[in-house]
Amino acid sequence: MVPAVGEVSGETVQLRSIVALLDCEVICGREVLGVDVPSCFAADLMSDVLAFSKSGGLLVTGLTSLQSVHTADIAELAAIL
């Protein structure tokens, strides 16, 4: 059974709703689960993230290196999936 998506405000969704929907494990940053995520960007090339992502968005990547965290920080992204 899929959990409820939660509150959707305008064209954004709360990060906690994404975590619940995808049954994600939160590694760090539980204090920001209430933040609204206006967009999503998927890439494995961190140069693409820096060039094309929008700040405040969710980064979806298959990479698990510290470089992904640094890139998300520089690009001012809300979270990494």
N, C-alpha and C. Protein backbone atom coordinates (compact mmCIF):
# COMPACT_ATOMS: atom_id res chain seq x y z
N MET A 1 0.84 -1.19 0.00
CA MET A 1 0.00 0.00 0.00
C MET A 1 0.88 1.24 0.00
N VAL A 2 0.59 2.19 -0.85
CA VAL A 2 1.36 3.43 -0.98
C VAL A 2 0.90 4.41 0.09
N PRO A 3 1.84 5.00 0.85
CA PRO A 3 1.45 5.99 1.86
C PRO A 3 0.89 7.25 1.21
N ALA A 4 0.14 8.00 1.98
CA ALA A 4 -0.44 9.26 1.49
C ALA A 4 0.67 10.21 1.08
N VAL A 5 0.48 10.92 -0.01
CA VAL A 5 1.48 11.84 -0.51
C VAL A 5 1.65 13.03 0.42
N GLY A 6 0.62 13.47 1.09
CA GLY A 6 0.74 14.59 2.02
C GLY A 6 0.32 15.90 1.39
N GLU A 7 0.73 16.95 2.02
CA GLU A 7 0.33 18.29 1.59
C GLU A 7 1.06 18.71 0.32
N VAL A 8 0.30 19.15 -0.63
CA VAL A 8 0.87 19.72 -1.85
C VAL A 8 0.43 21.17 -1.88
N SER A 9 1.39 22.08 -1.94
CA SER A 9 1.06 23.51 -1.94
C SER A 9 1.49 24.11 -3.27
N GLY A 10 0.52 24.44 -4.09
CA GLY A 10 0.84 25.00 -5.40
C GLY A 10 1.52 23.95 -6.27
N GLU A 11 2.70 24.25 -6.71
CA GLU A 11 3.44 23.31 -7.55
C GLU A 11 4.62 22.70 -6.81
N THR A 12 4.58 22.72 -5.49
CA THR A 12 5.66 22.13 -4.70
C THR A 12 5.12 20.97 -3.88
N VAL A 13 6.02 20.15 -3.40
CA VAL A 13 5.67 19.06 -2.49
C VAL A 13 6.68 19.07 -1.35
N GLN A 14 6.21 18.75 -0.17
CA GLN A 14 7.13 18.73 0.97
C GLN A 14 8.07 17.55 0.87
N LEU A 15 9.30 17.76 1.29
CA LEU A 15 10.31 16.70 1.27
C LEU A 15 9.85 15.49 2.07
N ARG A 16 9.16 15.70 3.20
CA ARG A 16 8.69 14.57 4.01
C ARG A 16 7.72 13.68 3.24
N SER A 17 6.94 14.28 2.32
CA SER A 17 6.01 13.51 1.50
C SER A 17 6.76 12.62 0.50
N ILE A 18 7.84 13.13 -0.05
CA ILE A 18 8.66 12.34 -0.97
C ILE A 18 9.30 11.18 -0.22
N VAL A 19 9.82 11.45 0.97
CA VAL A 19 10.43 10.41 1.79
C VAL A 19 9.42 9.31 2.10
N ALA A 20 8.20 9.70 2.47
CA ALA A 20 7.17 8.71 2.79
C ALA A 20 6.73 7.93 1.56
N LEU A 21 6.53 8.62 0.46
CA LEU A 21 6.06 7.98 -0.77
C LEU A 21 7.06 6.94 -1.28
N LEU A 22 8.34 7.27 -1.22
CA LEU A 22 9.39 6.38 -1.75
C LEU A 22 9.99 5.48 -0.68
N ASP A 23 9.51 5.61 0.57
CA ASP A 23 10.00 4.81 1.70
C ASP A 23 11.53 4.94 1.82
N CYS A 24 11.99 6.20 1.82
CA CYS A 24 13.43 6.50 1.87
C CYS A 24 13.95 6.46 3.30
N GLU A 25 15.23 6.16 3.43
CA GLU A 25 15.92 6.27 4.71
C GLU A 25 16.60 7.64 4.74
N VAL A 26 16.32 8.42 5.76
CA VAL A 26 16.93 9.73 5.90
C VAL A 26 18.26 9.55 6.62
N ILE A 27 19.35 9.88 5.95
CA ILE A 27 20.69 9.73 6.52
C ILE A 27 21.01 10.91 7.43
N CYS A 28 20.71 12.12 6.98
CA CYS A 28 20.88 13.32 7.80
C CYS A 28 19.92 14.39 7.28
N GLY A 29 19.65 15.37 8.13
CA GLY A 29 18.80 16.47 7.70
C GLY A 29 17.33 16.31 8.04
N ARG A 30 17.01 15.53 9.07
CA ARG A 30 15.60 15.37 9.45
C ARG A 30 14.93 16.70 9.76
N GLU A 31 15.72 17.69 10.16
CA GLU A 31 15.15 18.98 10.53
C GLU A 31 14.63 19.77 9.34
N VAL A 32 14.96 19.37 8.12
CA VAL A 32 14.49 20.10 6.95
C VAL A 32 13.45 19.32 6.14
N LEU A 33 12.85 18.31 6.74
CA LEU A 33 11.85 17.51 6.02
C LEU A 33 10.59 18.31 5.68
N GLY A 34 10.39 19.43 6.33
CA GLY A 34 9.23 20.26 6.06
C GLY A 34 9.41 21.23 4.90
N VAL A 35 10.59 21.25 4.31
CA VAL A 35 10.86 22.19 3.22
C VAL A 35 10.08 21.79 1.96
N ASP A 36 9.59 22.80 1.23
CA ASP A 36 8.89 22.56 -0.03
C ASP A 36 9.91 22.38 -1.16
N VAL A 37 9.69 21.37 -1.97
CA VAL A 37 10.58 21.08 -3.10
C VAL A 37 9.84 21.44 -4.39
N PRO A 38 10.30 22.48 -5.09
CA PRO A 38 9.60 22.93 -6.29
C PRO A 38 9.97 22.19 -7.57
N SER A 39 11.11 21.47 -7.55
CA SER A 39 11.54 20.81 -8.78
C SER A 39 12.44 19.63 -8.44
N CYS A 40 12.73 18.87 -9.47
CA CYS A 40 13.58 17.69 -9.34
C CYS A 40 14.56 17.69 -10.51
N PHE A 41 15.78 17.23 -10.24
CA PHE A 41 16.78 17.18 -11.31
C PHE A 41 17.52 15.85 -11.18
N ALA A 42 17.57 15.09 -12.25
CA ALA A 42 18.24 13.79 -12.24
C ALA A 42 19.48 13.83 -13.12
N ALA A 43 20.62 13.44 -12.54
CA ALA A 43 21.86 13.42 -13.31
C ALA A 43 22.93 12.64 -12.55
N ASP A 44 23.84 12.07 -13.28
CA ASP A 44 25.03 11.45 -12.69
C ASP A 44 26.27 12.28 -12.98
N LEU A 45 26.17 13.21 -13.89
CA LEU A 45 27.28 14.13 -14.17
C LEU A 45 27.09 15.38 -13.32
N MET A 46 27.95 15.57 -12.36
CA MET A 46 27.81 16.70 -11.45
C MET A 46 27.96 18.03 -12.17
N SER A 47 28.66 18.03 -13.29
CA SER A 47 28.76 19.26 -14.09
C SER A 47 27.39 19.65 -14.65
N ASP A 48 26.56 18.66 -15.00
CA ASP A 48 25.20 18.94 -15.46
C ASP A 48 24.36 19.53 -14.34
N VAL A 49 24.56 19.01 -13.13
CA VAL A 49 23.82 19.54 -11.97
C VAL A 49 24.16 21.01 -11.78
N LEU A 50 25.43 21.33 -11.81
CA LEU A 50 25.86 22.71 -11.62
C LEU A 50 25.37 23.63 -12.74
N ALA A 51 25.30 23.10 -13.95
CA ALA A 51 24.93 23.93 -15.10
C ALA A 51 23.42 24.11 -15.27
N PHE A 52 22.63 23.09 -14.92
CA PHE A 52 21.23 23.11 -15.32
C PHE A 52 20.19 23.00 -14.19
N SER A 53 20.59 22.64 -12.99
CA SER A 53 19.60 22.46 -11.91
C SER A 53 19.13 23.82 -11.38
N LYS A 54 17.95 23.81 -10.74
CA LYS A 54 17.40 25.01 -10.13
C LYS A 54 17.57 24.89 -8.62
N SER A 55 17.93 25.98 -7.96
CA SER A 55 18.13 25.93 -6.51
C SER A 55 16.83 25.55 -5.81
N GLY A 56 16.95 24.83 -4.70
CA GLY A 56 15.81 24.39 -3.93
C GLY A 56 15.23 23.07 -4.38
N GLY A 57 15.74 22.53 -5.47
CA GLY A 57 15.21 21.29 -6.03
C GLY A 57 15.77 20.04 -5.36
N LEU A 58 15.28 18.92 -5.79
CA LEU A 58 15.72 17.61 -5.33
C LEU A 58 16.65 17.00 -6.36
N LEU A 59 17.82 16.56 -5.93
CA LEU A 59 18.78 15.91 -6.83
C LEU A 59 18.58 14.40 -6.77
N VAL A 60 18.30 13.79 -7.91
CA VAL A 60 18.18 12.34 -8.02
C VAL A 60 19.42 11.86 -8.76
N THR A 61 20.22 11.02 -8.10
CA THR A 61 21.45 10.54 -8.70
C THR A 61 21.77 9.14 -8.20
N GLY A 62 22.51 8.42 -9.00
CA GLY A 62 22.96 7.09 -8.60
C GLY A 62 24.31 7.14 -7.92
N LEU A 63 24.91 8.31 -7.86
CA LEU A 63 26.23 8.46 -7.25
C LEU A 63 26.11 8.54 -5.73
N THR A 64 27.06 7.93 -5.05
CA THR A 64 27.03 7.95 -3.58
C THR A 64 28.30 8.55 -2.99
N SER A 65 28.98 9.35 -3.77
CA SER A 65 30.24 9.93 -3.30
C SER A 65 30.00 11.26 -2.59
N LEU A 66 31.00 11.69 -1.87
CA LEU A 66 30.95 12.98 -1.20
C LEU A 66 30.85 14.12 -2.20
N GLN A 67 31.32 13.90 -3.41
CA GLN A 67 31.24 14.92 -4.46
C GLN A 67 29.78 15.30 -4.75
N SER A 68 28.87 14.34 -4.67
CA SER A 68 27.45 14.62 -4.87
C SER A 68 26.94 15.58 -3.80
N VAL A 69 27.38 15.39 -2.57
CA VAL A 69 26.96 16.26 -1.47
C VAL A 69 27.52 17.66 -1.67
N HIS A 70 28.77 17.76 -2.03
CA HIS A 70 29.39 19.07 -2.28
C HIS A 70 28.68 19.80 -3.43
N THR A 71 28.38 19.07 -4.49
CA THR A 71 27.70 19.67 -5.64
C THR A 71 26.31 20.16 -5.26
N ALA A 72 25.56 19.36 -4.51
CA ALA A 72 24.22 19.77 -4.08
C ALA A 72 24.29 21.01 -3.20
N ASP A 73 25.32 21.09 -2.38
CA ASP A 73 25.50 22.27 -1.52
C ASP A 73 25.78 23.51 -2.36
N ILE A 74 26.69 23.41 -3.30
CA ILE A 74 27.04 24.55 -4.15
C ILE A 74 25.85 24.98 -5.01
N ALA A 75 25.07 24.00 -5.51
CA ALA A 75 23.92 24.32 -6.34
C ALA A 75 22.69 24.72 -5.52
N GLU A 76 22.83 24.74 -4.20
CA GLU A 76 21.76 25.11 -3.27
C GLU A 76 20.51 24.24 -3.47
N LEU A 77 20.72 22.93 -3.58
CA LEU A 77 19.61 21.98 -3.72
C LEU A 77 19.10 21.59 -2.34
N ALA A 78 17.83 21.21 -2.27
CA ALA A 78 17.19 20.91 -0.99
C ALA A 78 17.62 19.55 -0.43
N ALA A 79 17.80 18.57 -1.31
CA ALA A 79 18.10 17.21 -0.83
C ALA A 79 18.64 16.36 -1.97
N ILE A 80 19.16 15.21 -1.59
CA ILE A 80 19.67 14.23 -2.56
C ILE A 80 18.92 12.92 -2.35
N LEU A 81 18.46 12.33 -3.44
CA LEU A 81 17.78 11.04 -3.39
C LEU A 81 18.68 10.02 -4.03
